N, C-alpha and C. Protein backbone atom coordinates (compact mmCIF):
# COMPACT_ATOMS: atom_id res chain seq x y z
N MET A 1 35.06 -89.28 -83.41
CA MET A 1 34.29 -88.12 -83.83
C MET A 1 33.24 -87.79 -82.77
N ILE A 2 33.18 -86.53 -82.34
CA ILE A 2 32.22 -86.08 -81.34
C ILE A 2 31.15 -85.23 -82.01
N GLU A 3 29.88 -85.54 -81.77
CA GLU A 3 28.79 -84.74 -82.29
C GLU A 3 28.43 -83.68 -81.26
N PHE A 4 28.49 -82.42 -81.68
CA PHE A 4 28.29 -81.30 -80.76
C PHE A 4 26.79 -81.02 -80.63
N THR A 5 26.19 -81.38 -79.50
CA THR A 5 24.79 -81.11 -79.23
C THR A 5 24.68 -80.58 -77.80
N SER A 6 23.50 -80.06 -77.49
CA SER A 6 23.29 -79.51 -76.15
C SER A 6 23.29 -80.59 -75.08
N GLU A 7 23.16 -81.86 -75.50
CA GLU A 7 23.14 -82.96 -74.55
C GLU A 7 24.54 -83.40 -74.13
N VAL A 8 25.56 -82.95 -74.83
CA VAL A 8 26.95 -83.29 -74.51
C VAL A 8 27.66 -82.00 -74.10
N PRO A 9 27.69 -81.68 -72.82
CA PRO A 9 28.30 -80.42 -72.39
C PRO A 9 29.82 -80.45 -72.52
N PHE A 10 30.38 -79.32 -72.89
CA PHE A 10 31.83 -79.16 -72.87
C PHE A 10 32.18 -78.50 -71.54
N LEU A 11 33.24 -78.97 -70.91
CA LEU A 11 33.63 -78.47 -69.60
C LEU A 11 35.07 -77.97 -69.63
N TRP A 12 35.38 -77.04 -68.73
CA TRP A 12 36.76 -76.64 -68.46
C TRP A 12 37.16 -77.23 -67.11
N ARG A 13 38.36 -77.77 -67.05
CA ARG A 13 38.89 -78.25 -65.77
C ARG A 13 40.13 -77.43 -65.43
N LEU A 14 40.09 -76.74 -64.29
CA LEU A 14 41.20 -75.92 -63.82
C LEU A 14 41.93 -76.68 -62.72
N SER A 15 43.21 -76.95 -62.95
CA SER A 15 44.00 -77.73 -61.99
C SER A 15 45.16 -76.89 -61.49
N ALA A 16 45.43 -76.97 -60.20
CA ALA A 16 46.52 -76.21 -59.59
C ALA A 16 47.83 -76.50 -60.31
N GLU A 17 48.52 -75.44 -60.70
CA GLU A 17 49.76 -75.58 -61.47
C GLU A 17 50.97 -75.12 -60.68
N SER A 18 50.81 -74.10 -59.84
CA SER A 18 51.94 -73.58 -59.08
C SER A 18 51.45 -72.90 -57.82
N SER A 19 52.39 -72.65 -56.91
CA SER A 19 52.05 -71.97 -55.66
C SER A 19 51.79 -70.49 -55.88
N GLU A 20 52.05 -70.00 -57.10
CA GLU A 20 51.84 -68.59 -57.40
C GLU A 20 50.41 -68.29 -57.84
N GLY A 21 49.55 -69.31 -57.82
CA GLY A 21 48.14 -69.09 -58.11
C GLY A 21 47.73 -69.39 -59.53
N TYR A 22 48.60 -70.03 -60.32
CA TYR A 22 48.25 -70.36 -61.69
C TYR A 22 47.62 -71.75 -61.77
N CYS A 23 46.64 -71.88 -62.66
CA CYS A 23 45.98 -73.16 -62.90
C CYS A 23 46.10 -73.53 -64.37
N SER A 24 46.36 -74.79 -64.65
CA SER A 24 46.34 -75.25 -66.03
C SER A 24 44.88 -75.45 -66.45
N VAL A 25 44.61 -75.22 -67.72
CA VAL A 25 43.24 -75.31 -68.24
C VAL A 25 43.14 -76.48 -69.21
N SER A 26 42.19 -77.37 -68.93
CA SER A 26 41.93 -78.51 -69.81
C SER A 26 40.47 -78.48 -70.24
N MET A 27 40.22 -79.00 -71.45
CA MET A 27 38.85 -79.15 -71.91
C MET A 27 38.42 -80.60 -71.66
N VAL A 28 37.21 -80.78 -71.14
CA VAL A 28 36.72 -82.11 -70.81
C VAL A 28 35.36 -82.33 -71.46
N VAL A 29 35.22 -83.48 -72.13
CA VAL A 29 33.92 -83.90 -72.65
C VAL A 29 33.50 -85.12 -71.84
N PRO A 30 32.50 -84.98 -70.97
CA PRO A 30 32.08 -86.12 -70.13
C PRO A 30 31.39 -87.20 -70.96
N CYS A 31 31.70 -88.44 -70.64
CA CYS A 31 31.06 -89.57 -71.32
C CYS A 31 29.93 -90.11 -70.44
N PRO A 32 28.84 -90.61 -71.05
CA PRO A 32 27.73 -91.15 -70.27
C PRO A 32 28.19 -92.28 -69.35
N PRO A 33 27.69 -92.32 -68.12
CA PRO A 33 28.13 -93.35 -67.16
C PRO A 33 27.94 -94.77 -67.68
N GLU A 34 26.88 -95.00 -68.46
CA GLU A 34 26.60 -96.37 -68.92
C GLU A 34 27.63 -96.88 -69.92
N THR A 35 28.44 -95.99 -70.50
CA THR A 35 29.43 -96.42 -71.49
C THR A 35 30.70 -96.96 -70.83
N GLN A 36 30.90 -96.65 -69.55
CA GLN A 36 32.09 -97.07 -68.81
C GLN A 36 33.37 -96.63 -69.51
N VAL A 37 33.29 -95.47 -70.16
CA VAL A 37 34.44 -94.88 -70.83
C VAL A 37 34.84 -93.62 -70.07
N LYS A 38 36.16 -93.42 -69.93
CA LYS A 38 36.62 -92.24 -69.21
C LYS A 38 36.28 -90.97 -69.97
N ASP A 39 36.10 -89.88 -69.23
CA ASP A 39 35.87 -88.59 -69.86
C ASP A 39 37.02 -88.25 -70.81
N PHE A 40 36.68 -87.61 -71.92
CA PHE A 40 37.68 -87.24 -72.91
C PHE A 40 38.28 -85.90 -72.50
N THR A 41 39.61 -85.85 -72.36
CA THR A 41 40.28 -84.64 -71.88
C THR A 41 41.33 -84.16 -72.87
N ILE A 42 41.35 -82.86 -73.11
CA ILE A 42 42.37 -82.24 -73.95
C ILE A 42 43.09 -81.18 -73.13
N GLU A 43 44.39 -81.36 -72.94
CA GLU A 43 45.19 -80.38 -72.23
C GLU A 43 45.45 -79.19 -73.16
N THR A 44 45.34 -77.99 -72.63
CA THR A 44 45.67 -76.79 -73.41
C THR A 44 46.98 -76.18 -72.90
N SER A 45 47.49 -75.22 -73.65
CA SER A 45 48.71 -74.53 -73.24
C SER A 45 48.39 -73.31 -72.38
N VAL A 46 47.13 -73.12 -72.06
CA VAL A 46 46.68 -71.90 -71.36
C VAL A 46 46.76 -72.09 -69.85
N GLN A 47 47.20 -71.04 -69.18
CA GLN A 47 47.20 -71.02 -67.72
C GLN A 47 46.31 -69.88 -67.24
N SER A 48 45.54 -70.17 -66.22
CA SER A 48 44.62 -69.19 -65.65
C SER A 48 45.18 -68.68 -64.33
N LEU A 49 45.18 -67.36 -64.16
CA LEU A 49 45.60 -66.76 -62.89
C LEU A 49 44.40 -66.71 -61.97
N SER A 50 44.45 -67.44 -60.88
CA SER A 50 43.31 -67.55 -59.99
C SER A 50 42.99 -66.22 -59.31
N SER A 51 41.71 -65.96 -59.17
CA SER A 51 41.27 -64.75 -58.49
C SER A 51 41.15 -64.96 -56.99
N ASP A 52 41.21 -66.21 -56.55
CA ASP A 52 41.16 -66.50 -55.12
C ASP A 52 42.03 -67.71 -54.81
N SER A 53 42.35 -67.90 -53.55
CA SER A 53 43.27 -68.95 -53.14
C SER A 53 42.68 -70.34 -53.28
N THR A 54 41.35 -70.48 -53.13
CA THR A 54 40.74 -71.81 -53.17
C THR A 54 40.86 -72.43 -54.55
N ARG A 55 40.73 -71.62 -55.61
CA ARG A 55 40.81 -72.16 -56.96
C ARG A 55 42.22 -72.68 -57.24
N SER A 56 43.24 -71.99 -56.71
CA SER A 56 44.62 -72.39 -56.97
C SER A 56 45.04 -73.60 -56.15
N GLU A 57 44.23 -73.98 -55.15
CA GLU A 57 44.59 -75.09 -54.28
C GLU A 57 43.88 -76.39 -54.65
N LYS A 58 42.79 -76.31 -55.39
CA LYS A 58 42.07 -77.52 -55.72
C LYS A 58 41.52 -77.45 -57.14
N GLU A 59 41.16 -78.61 -57.65
CA GLU A 59 40.65 -78.68 -59.02
C GLU A 59 39.23 -78.13 -59.08
N GLU A 60 38.93 -77.47 -60.18
CA GLU A 60 37.61 -76.88 -60.36
C GLU A 60 37.11 -77.19 -61.77
N THR A 61 35.83 -77.51 -61.88
CA THR A 61 35.24 -77.81 -63.18
C THR A 61 34.14 -76.80 -63.49
N LEU A 62 34.20 -76.20 -64.68
CA LEU A 62 33.24 -75.19 -65.09
C LEU A 62 32.65 -75.58 -66.44
N GLU A 63 31.36 -75.35 -66.62
CA GLU A 63 30.75 -75.60 -67.91
C GLU A 63 31.03 -74.42 -68.85
N TRP A 64 31.21 -74.73 -70.13
CA TRP A 64 31.43 -73.67 -71.11
C TRP A 64 30.27 -72.68 -71.06
N ASN A 65 30.59 -71.39 -71.10
CA ASN A 65 29.52 -70.39 -71.16
C ASN A 65 29.17 -70.11 -72.63
N GLN A 66 28.19 -69.25 -72.84
CA GLN A 66 27.72 -68.99 -74.21
C GLN A 66 28.80 -68.34 -75.06
N GLU A 67 29.63 -67.49 -74.46
CA GLU A 67 30.71 -66.86 -75.22
C GLU A 67 31.71 -67.90 -75.71
N ASP A 68 32.03 -68.88 -74.86
CA ASP A 68 32.92 -69.97 -75.28
C ASP A 68 32.33 -70.72 -76.48
N ILE A 69 31.06 -71.06 -76.36
CA ILE A 69 30.39 -71.84 -77.41
C ILE A 69 30.32 -71.05 -78.71
N ASP A 70 29.96 -69.77 -78.62
CA ASP A 70 29.83 -68.94 -79.82
C ASP A 70 31.17 -68.81 -80.55
N LEU A 71 32.25 -68.57 -79.79
CA LEU A 71 33.57 -68.43 -80.40
C LEU A 71 34.01 -69.75 -81.02
N PHE A 72 33.78 -70.84 -80.33
CA PHE A 72 34.14 -72.17 -80.84
C PHE A 72 33.43 -72.45 -82.16
N LEU A 73 32.13 -72.18 -82.21
CA LEU A 73 31.36 -72.44 -83.43
C LEU A 73 31.80 -71.54 -84.58
N LYS A 74 32.11 -70.27 -84.27
CA LYS A 74 32.59 -69.36 -85.32
C LYS A 74 33.87 -69.88 -85.94
N LEU A 75 34.80 -70.31 -85.09
CA LEU A 75 36.09 -70.78 -85.58
C LEU A 75 35.95 -72.11 -86.32
N ILE A 76 35.05 -72.97 -85.86
CA ILE A 76 34.80 -74.23 -86.56
C ILE A 76 34.22 -73.95 -87.95
N ASN A 77 33.26 -73.04 -88.02
CA ASN A 77 32.64 -72.73 -89.31
C ASN A 77 33.63 -72.06 -90.26
N GLN A 78 34.50 -71.21 -89.74
CA GLN A 78 35.54 -70.60 -90.58
C GLN A 78 36.45 -71.67 -91.17
N ARG A 79 36.80 -72.64 -90.35
CA ARG A 79 37.67 -73.72 -90.83
C ARG A 79 36.97 -74.52 -91.92
N ARG A 80 35.69 -74.76 -91.75
CA ARG A 80 34.94 -75.50 -92.77
C ARG A 80 34.94 -74.76 -94.11
N LEU A 81 34.77 -73.45 -94.04
CA LEU A 81 34.79 -72.66 -95.26
C LEU A 81 36.16 -72.71 -95.93
N GLN A 82 37.21 -72.70 -95.12
CA GLN A 82 38.57 -72.72 -95.66
C GLN A 82 38.87 -74.02 -96.39
N ILE A 83 38.32 -75.12 -95.91
CA ILE A 83 38.61 -76.42 -96.53
C ILE A 83 37.43 -76.91 -97.37
N ASN A 84 36.50 -75.99 -97.66
CA ASN A 84 35.36 -76.28 -98.55
C ASN A 84 34.49 -77.42 -98.06
N GLN A 85 34.28 -77.49 -96.75
CA GLN A 85 33.35 -78.46 -96.20
C GLN A 85 31.95 -77.85 -96.17
N PRO A 86 30.90 -78.64 -96.42
CA PRO A 86 29.54 -78.11 -96.37
C PRO A 86 29.14 -77.71 -94.96
N MET A 87 28.33 -76.66 -94.86
CA MET A 87 27.83 -76.21 -93.56
C MET A 87 26.63 -77.06 -93.18
N GLU A 88 26.63 -77.56 -91.95
CA GLU A 88 25.55 -78.42 -91.47
C GLU A 88 24.96 -77.85 -90.19
N GLU A 89 23.71 -78.22 -89.92
CA GLU A 89 23.05 -77.74 -88.71
C GLU A 89 23.69 -78.35 -87.45
N THR A 90 24.05 -79.63 -87.54
CA THR A 90 24.70 -80.31 -86.41
C THR A 90 26.21 -80.28 -86.61
N VAL A 91 26.92 -79.86 -85.58
CA VAL A 91 28.37 -79.75 -85.67
C VAL A 91 29.01 -81.05 -85.19
N ARG A 92 29.79 -81.65 -86.05
CA ARG A 92 30.57 -82.84 -85.68
C ARG A 92 32.04 -82.49 -85.77
N VAL A 93 32.76 -82.75 -84.70
CA VAL A 93 34.18 -82.38 -84.68
C VAL A 93 35.02 -83.58 -84.25
N ASP A 94 36.20 -83.66 -84.84
CA ASP A 94 37.18 -84.68 -84.48
C ASP A 94 38.14 -84.07 -83.47
N LEU A 95 37.99 -84.44 -82.21
CA LEU A 95 38.78 -83.83 -81.15
C LEU A 95 40.23 -84.31 -81.14
N SER A 96 40.59 -85.17 -82.07
CA SER A 96 42.00 -85.55 -82.23
C SER A 96 42.67 -84.76 -83.35
N ASP A 97 41.88 -83.96 -84.07
CA ASP A 97 42.39 -83.15 -85.17
C ASP A 97 43.21 -81.98 -84.59
N PRO A 98 44.49 -81.82 -84.99
CA PRO A 98 45.31 -80.72 -84.45
C PRO A 98 44.69 -79.34 -84.66
N ASP A 99 43.97 -79.14 -85.79
CA ASP A 99 43.33 -77.85 -86.03
C ASP A 99 42.22 -77.59 -85.02
N ILE A 100 41.47 -78.64 -84.67
CA ILE A 100 40.40 -78.50 -83.67
C ILE A 100 41.01 -78.24 -82.30
N ILE A 101 42.09 -78.93 -81.98
CA ILE A 101 42.77 -78.72 -80.70
C ILE A 101 43.27 -77.28 -80.60
N ASP A 102 43.76 -76.73 -81.71
CA ASP A 102 44.23 -75.35 -81.70
C ASP A 102 43.06 -74.39 -81.46
N ILE A 103 41.91 -74.68 -82.05
CA ILE A 103 40.72 -73.85 -81.81
C ILE A 103 40.34 -73.88 -80.33
N ILE A 104 40.42 -75.06 -79.72
CA ILE A 104 40.10 -75.19 -78.30
C ILE A 104 41.08 -74.36 -77.47
N ASN A 105 42.35 -74.33 -77.86
CA ASN A 105 43.33 -73.50 -77.17
C ASN A 105 42.97 -72.02 -77.28
N VAL A 106 42.52 -71.61 -78.45
CA VAL A 106 42.13 -70.21 -78.65
C VAL A 106 40.95 -69.85 -77.74
N VAL A 107 39.96 -70.73 -77.67
CA VAL A 107 38.79 -70.48 -76.83
C VAL A 107 39.19 -70.45 -75.35
N ALA A 108 40.09 -71.34 -74.95
CA ALA A 108 40.56 -71.36 -73.57
C ALA A 108 41.32 -70.07 -73.24
N ALA A 109 42.16 -69.62 -74.17
CA ALA A 109 42.91 -68.38 -73.95
C ALA A 109 41.96 -67.20 -73.81
N ALA A 110 40.93 -67.16 -74.66
CA ALA A 110 39.97 -66.06 -74.61
C ALA A 110 39.24 -66.02 -73.27
N GLY A 111 38.97 -67.18 -72.70
CA GLY A 111 38.20 -67.24 -71.47
C GLY A 111 39.02 -67.09 -70.20
N PHE A 112 40.29 -67.51 -70.26
CA PHE A 112 41.06 -67.58 -69.02
C PHE A 112 42.39 -66.83 -69.05
N GLY A 113 42.86 -66.44 -70.22
CA GLY A 113 44.15 -65.78 -70.31
C GLY A 113 44.11 -64.35 -69.82
N VAL A 114 45.29 -63.82 -69.52
CA VAL A 114 45.44 -62.42 -69.10
C VAL A 114 46.12 -61.68 -70.24
N ALA A 115 45.52 -60.60 -70.71
CA ALA A 115 46.03 -59.88 -71.88
C ALA A 115 47.25 -59.04 -71.53
N PHE A 116 48.30 -59.16 -72.36
CA PHE A 116 49.48 -58.33 -72.24
C PHE A 116 49.26 -57.04 -73.02
N THR A 117 49.87 -55.96 -72.56
CA THR A 117 49.83 -54.72 -73.31
C THR A 117 50.73 -54.84 -74.54
N SER A 118 50.36 -54.14 -75.60
CA SER A 118 51.13 -54.22 -76.84
C SER A 118 52.17 -53.10 -76.93
N TYR A 119 52.33 -52.32 -75.87
CA TYR A 119 53.28 -51.20 -75.90
C TYR A 119 54.68 -51.71 -76.22
N GLY A 120 55.30 -51.14 -77.25
CA GLY A 120 56.65 -51.52 -77.64
C GLY A 120 56.73 -52.75 -78.50
N LEU A 121 55.60 -53.45 -78.71
CA LEU A 121 55.59 -54.69 -79.50
C LEU A 121 55.18 -54.48 -80.95
N LEU A 122 54.40 -53.43 -81.20
CA LEU A 122 53.85 -53.21 -82.54
C LEU A 122 54.48 -51.99 -83.19
N ASN A 123 54.63 -52.07 -84.50
CA ASN A 123 55.02 -50.89 -85.26
C ASN A 123 53.86 -49.91 -85.28
N HIS A 124 54.17 -48.63 -85.31
CA HIS A 124 53.14 -47.60 -85.24
C HIS A 124 52.18 -47.70 -86.42
N ALA A 125 50.88 -47.73 -86.10
CA ALA A 125 49.85 -47.78 -87.14
C ALA A 125 49.62 -46.38 -87.67
N ASP A 126 50.09 -46.12 -88.90
CA ASP A 126 50.01 -44.76 -89.46
C ASP A 126 49.05 -44.66 -90.65
N GLY A 127 48.24 -45.71 -90.85
CA GLY A 127 47.29 -45.68 -91.95
C GLY A 127 47.86 -46.14 -93.28
N THR A 128 49.10 -46.63 -93.28
CA THR A 128 49.72 -47.11 -94.51
C THR A 128 49.01 -48.33 -95.06
N PHE A 129 48.58 -49.21 -94.15
CA PHE A 129 47.95 -50.46 -94.57
C PHE A 129 46.43 -50.30 -94.65
N PRO A 130 45.78 -51.07 -95.52
CA PRO A 130 44.32 -50.96 -95.67
C PRO A 130 43.58 -51.39 -94.41
N ILE A 131 42.44 -50.76 -94.18
CA ILE A 131 41.61 -51.09 -93.02
C ILE A 131 41.02 -52.49 -93.21
N HIS A 132 41.04 -53.27 -92.13
CA HIS A 132 40.50 -54.64 -92.18
C HIS A 132 39.20 -54.70 -91.39
N ALA A 133 38.12 -55.12 -92.04
CA ALA A 133 36.84 -55.29 -91.34
C ALA A 133 36.88 -56.61 -90.57
N PHE A 134 36.60 -56.55 -89.29
CA PHE A 134 36.73 -57.75 -88.46
C PHE A 134 35.67 -57.77 -87.39
N ASP A 135 35.54 -58.91 -86.74
CA ASP A 135 34.62 -59.10 -85.64
C ASP A 135 35.22 -60.15 -84.73
N VAL A 136 34.55 -60.44 -83.63
CA VAL A 136 35.02 -61.51 -82.75
C VAL A 136 35.05 -62.82 -83.54
N GLY A 137 36.16 -63.51 -83.48
CA GLY A 137 36.34 -64.75 -84.23
C GLY A 137 37.11 -64.58 -85.52
N SER A 138 37.34 -63.33 -85.94
CA SER A 138 38.06 -63.08 -87.20
C SER A 138 39.55 -63.39 -87.03
N THR A 139 40.15 -63.97 -88.07
CA THR A 139 41.60 -64.08 -88.11
C THR A 139 42.17 -62.78 -88.64
N ALA A 140 43.36 -62.42 -88.20
CA ALA A 140 43.94 -61.13 -88.56
C ALA A 140 45.46 -61.22 -88.46
N SER A 141 46.11 -60.09 -88.73
CA SER A 141 47.57 -59.98 -88.60
C SER A 141 47.90 -58.78 -87.75
N LEU A 142 49.04 -58.84 -87.08
CA LEU A 142 49.57 -57.73 -86.32
C LEU A 142 50.96 -57.39 -86.86
N ASN A 143 51.22 -56.10 -87.05
CA ASN A 143 52.51 -55.65 -87.56
C ASN A 143 53.46 -55.44 -86.38
N THR A 144 54.10 -56.52 -85.93
CA THR A 144 54.95 -56.46 -84.74
C THR A 144 56.38 -56.06 -85.12
N VAL A 145 57.17 -55.76 -84.10
CA VAL A 145 58.58 -55.41 -84.33
C VAL A 145 59.37 -56.60 -84.84
N LYS A 146 58.77 -57.78 -84.79
CA LYS A 146 59.40 -59.00 -85.30
C LYS A 146 58.69 -59.51 -86.56
N GLY A 147 58.01 -58.62 -87.26
CA GLY A 147 57.32 -59.01 -88.48
C GLY A 147 55.83 -59.22 -88.26
N PHE A 148 55.12 -59.50 -89.34
CA PHE A 148 53.67 -59.73 -89.25
C PHE A 148 53.40 -61.07 -88.55
N LYS A 149 52.48 -61.04 -87.59
CA LYS A 149 52.14 -62.24 -86.82
C LYS A 149 50.64 -62.49 -86.89
N PRO A 150 50.22 -63.75 -87.06
CA PRO A 150 48.78 -64.06 -87.13
C PRO A 150 48.14 -64.07 -85.75
N CYS A 151 46.86 -63.77 -85.71
CA CYS A 151 46.12 -63.76 -84.45
C CYS A 151 44.65 -64.00 -84.73
N VAL A 152 43.89 -64.19 -83.66
CA VAL A 152 42.43 -64.31 -83.73
C VAL A 152 41.83 -63.27 -82.79
N VAL A 153 40.88 -62.49 -83.28
CA VAL A 153 40.20 -61.49 -82.46
C VAL A 153 39.19 -62.19 -81.56
N VAL A 154 39.29 -61.97 -80.24
CA VAL A 154 38.39 -62.65 -79.32
C VAL A 154 37.55 -61.69 -78.47
N ASP A 155 37.85 -60.40 -78.55
CA ASP A 155 37.02 -59.44 -77.80
C ASP A 155 37.22 -58.06 -78.41
N VAL A 156 36.12 -57.32 -78.52
CA VAL A 156 36.15 -55.96 -79.07
C VAL A 156 35.29 -55.07 -78.19
N GLU A 157 35.89 -53.98 -77.71
CA GLU A 157 35.14 -53.01 -76.91
C GLU A 157 35.62 -51.61 -77.28
N ASP A 158 34.76 -50.89 -78.00
CA ASP A 158 35.11 -49.57 -78.51
C ASP A 158 36.38 -49.66 -79.36
N ASP A 159 37.45 -48.99 -78.95
CA ASP A 159 38.68 -48.99 -79.75
C ASP A 159 39.66 -50.08 -79.30
N ASP A 160 39.34 -50.77 -78.22
CA ASP A 160 40.23 -51.81 -77.69
C ASP A 160 39.87 -53.18 -78.26
N VAL A 161 40.90 -53.92 -78.63
CA VAL A 161 40.71 -55.25 -79.22
C VAL A 161 41.65 -56.23 -78.52
N VAL A 162 41.12 -57.38 -78.14
CA VAL A 162 41.94 -58.44 -77.55
C VAL A 162 42.11 -59.55 -78.57
N CYS A 163 43.36 -59.96 -78.78
CA CYS A 163 43.68 -61.00 -79.76
C CYS A 163 44.39 -62.17 -79.08
N VAL A 164 44.21 -63.35 -79.64
CA VAL A 164 45.00 -64.52 -79.25
C VAL A 164 46.07 -64.71 -80.32
N LEU A 165 47.31 -64.70 -79.91
CA LEU A 165 48.41 -64.88 -80.85
C LEU A 165 48.44 -66.31 -81.38
N LEU A 166 48.76 -66.45 -82.66
CA LEU A 166 48.89 -67.77 -83.27
C LEU A 166 50.35 -68.08 -83.61
N ASP A 167 51.26 -67.27 -83.09
CA ASP A 167 52.68 -67.48 -83.33
C ASP A 167 53.45 -66.88 -82.16
N ASP A 168 54.65 -67.41 -81.90
CA ASP A 168 55.49 -66.85 -80.85
C ASP A 168 56.10 -65.53 -81.32
N ILE A 169 56.42 -64.66 -80.35
CA ILE A 169 57.11 -63.42 -80.64
C ILE A 169 58.27 -63.29 -79.66
N ASP A 170 59.50 -63.29 -80.17
CA ASP A 170 60.67 -63.05 -79.32
C ASP A 170 60.81 -61.54 -79.16
N VAL A 171 60.64 -61.07 -77.95
CA VAL A 171 60.55 -59.62 -77.74
C VAL A 171 61.60 -59.12 -76.77
N ALA A 172 62.67 -59.89 -76.56
CA ALA A 172 63.71 -59.48 -75.63
C ALA A 172 64.23 -58.08 -75.97
N SER A 173 64.14 -57.16 -75.03
CA SER A 173 64.54 -55.77 -75.27
C SER A 173 64.74 -55.07 -73.94
N ASP A 174 65.61 -54.09 -73.93
CA ASP A 174 65.83 -53.31 -72.72
C ASP A 174 64.60 -52.50 -72.33
N GLU A 175 63.72 -52.25 -73.33
CA GLU A 175 62.55 -51.42 -73.08
C GLU A 175 61.36 -52.23 -72.57
N LEU A 176 61.43 -53.57 -72.66
CA LEU A 176 60.30 -54.41 -72.30
C LEU A 176 60.66 -55.34 -71.15
N ASP A 177 59.68 -55.63 -70.31
CA ASP A 177 59.88 -56.56 -69.21
C ASP A 177 59.79 -58.01 -69.68
N LEU A 178 59.19 -58.25 -70.84
CA LEU A 178 58.98 -59.59 -71.35
C LEU A 178 60.15 -60.03 -72.22
N ASP A 179 60.44 -61.33 -72.21
CA ASP A 179 61.42 -61.91 -73.12
C ASP A 179 60.74 -62.53 -74.34
N ARG A 180 59.52 -62.98 -74.14
CA ARG A 180 58.86 -63.74 -75.19
C ARG A 180 57.35 -63.78 -74.97
N LEU A 181 56.60 -63.63 -76.04
CA LEU A 181 55.17 -63.92 -76.03
C LEU A 181 54.98 -65.21 -76.80
N SER A 182 54.15 -66.08 -76.29
CA SER A 182 53.99 -67.41 -76.88
C SER A 182 52.66 -67.55 -77.61
N ARG A 183 52.60 -68.53 -78.47
CA ARG A 183 51.36 -68.90 -79.15
C ARG A 183 50.27 -69.09 -78.10
N HIS A 184 49.12 -68.50 -78.32
CA HIS A 184 47.94 -68.56 -77.45
C HIS A 184 48.00 -67.56 -76.29
N ASP A 185 49.01 -66.69 -76.26
CA ASP A 185 48.97 -65.58 -75.31
C ASP A 185 47.99 -64.53 -75.84
N LEU A 186 47.46 -63.73 -74.90
CA LEU A 186 46.54 -62.65 -75.26
C LEU A 186 47.29 -61.33 -75.38
N LEU A 187 46.86 -60.51 -76.33
CA LEU A 187 47.48 -59.21 -76.53
C LEU A 187 46.39 -58.16 -76.71
N LEU A 188 46.51 -57.05 -75.98
CA LEU A 188 45.56 -55.94 -76.08
C LEU A 188 46.10 -54.92 -77.08
N VAL A 189 45.32 -54.67 -78.14
CA VAL A 189 45.74 -53.75 -79.20
C VAL A 189 44.61 -52.76 -79.49
N LYS A 190 44.83 -51.91 -80.50
CA LYS A 190 43.81 -50.97 -80.94
C LYS A 190 43.25 -51.41 -82.29
N ARG A 191 42.09 -50.88 -82.64
CA ARG A 191 41.45 -51.23 -83.91
C ARG A 191 42.38 -51.02 -85.11
N MET A 192 43.12 -49.92 -85.10
CA MET A 192 44.01 -49.60 -86.20
C MET A 192 45.12 -50.64 -86.38
N ASP A 193 45.41 -51.40 -85.31
CA ASP A 193 46.48 -52.39 -85.37
C ASP A 193 46.06 -53.67 -86.07
N ILE A 194 44.76 -53.87 -86.25
CA ILE A 194 44.26 -55.11 -86.84
C ILE A 194 44.35 -55.05 -88.36
N LEU A 195 45.13 -55.97 -88.93
CA LEU A 195 45.36 -56.01 -90.37
C LEU A 195 44.81 -57.30 -90.97
N HIS A 196 44.70 -57.31 -92.29
CA HIS A 196 44.21 -58.48 -93.03
C HIS A 196 45.09 -59.69 -92.72
N PRO A 197 44.50 -60.88 -92.57
CA PRO A 197 45.30 -62.07 -92.22
C PRO A 197 46.36 -62.43 -93.24
N GLU A 198 46.19 -62.00 -94.49
CA GLU A 198 47.17 -62.35 -95.51
C GLU A 198 48.54 -61.72 -95.26
N PHE A 199 48.60 -60.66 -94.49
CA PHE A 199 49.90 -60.06 -94.19
C PHE A 199 50.81 -61.06 -93.48
N ALA A 200 50.26 -61.77 -92.51
CA ALA A 200 51.05 -62.74 -91.76
C ALA A 200 51.35 -63.99 -92.58
N GLU A 201 50.52 -64.26 -93.59
CA GLU A 201 50.72 -65.45 -94.42
C GLU A 201 51.82 -65.24 -95.44
N SER A 202 51.85 -64.04 -96.05
CA SER A 202 52.77 -63.81 -97.16
C SER A 202 53.91 -62.85 -96.84
N ARG A 203 53.80 -62.15 -95.69
CA ARG A 203 54.78 -61.14 -95.28
C ARG A 203 54.80 -59.93 -96.21
N VAL A 204 53.87 -59.86 -97.16
CA VAL A 204 53.80 -58.72 -98.06
C VAL A 204 52.37 -58.24 -98.13
N ARG A 205 52.17 -57.09 -98.77
CA ARG A 205 50.83 -56.55 -98.90
C ARG A 205 49.95 -57.47 -99.75
N PRO A 206 48.74 -57.81 -99.29
CA PRO A 206 47.86 -58.68 -100.07
C PRO A 206 47.62 -58.13 -101.48
N GLY A 207 47.64 -58.98 -102.46
CA GLY A 207 47.41 -58.56 -103.83
C GLY A 207 46.05 -57.94 -104.01
N GLY A 208 46.00 -56.81 -104.73
CA GLY A 208 44.73 -56.16 -105.01
C GLY A 208 44.25 -55.24 -103.93
N SER A 209 44.95 -55.15 -102.81
CA SER A 209 44.50 -54.27 -101.74
C SER A 209 44.89 -52.84 -102.04
N THR A 210 44.11 -51.92 -101.56
CA THR A 210 44.32 -50.50 -101.82
C THR A 210 44.90 -49.82 -100.60
N LEU A 211 45.97 -49.08 -100.79
CA LEU A 211 46.55 -48.34 -99.67
C LEU A 211 45.79 -47.04 -99.46
N HIS A 212 45.66 -46.63 -98.20
CA HIS A 212 44.97 -45.40 -97.86
C HIS A 212 45.98 -44.30 -97.57
């Protein structure tokens, strides 16, 4: 169990993955030198496209920024509410918990992933479904050509919304250059495309919701 305090920094480690400039992203929690314990490392499924050649050629370590920390805490608190855990001032997390590892993947994707366009991937938003109130960190659903898919909102700017997918989407089509979008890929959508998370859970309209 790791206690989340300002004295224990969370780090990102970017390691060269390919000659094409991609780096794998790992989360690192450094251990105090006096403990003689190796730093705790969690590999993520996220790859970062380097903006310069030096990053793709050697390992780089970055401290989490405030946006990383804020998103991580929002998702941790949401999980606590879902499982009826009490809210505490000090955050303690089990970094071996698969749910926590998935949250770390979402934060890594938000910070380092490259967003794909949603053109041809989503069914047209025509106002049939109820409007979903959301913010950064909210879970949601997307009405894709392969059914409702869960996601997490990680950035909002005017009408543009960036989501981290929580499920794979097989999108092989003559109209698209992609064959597949994977869990933890980023997708750029519009506000109207963001639906209540229950759509992806039940595949049907949430009970009690009102159509517009």
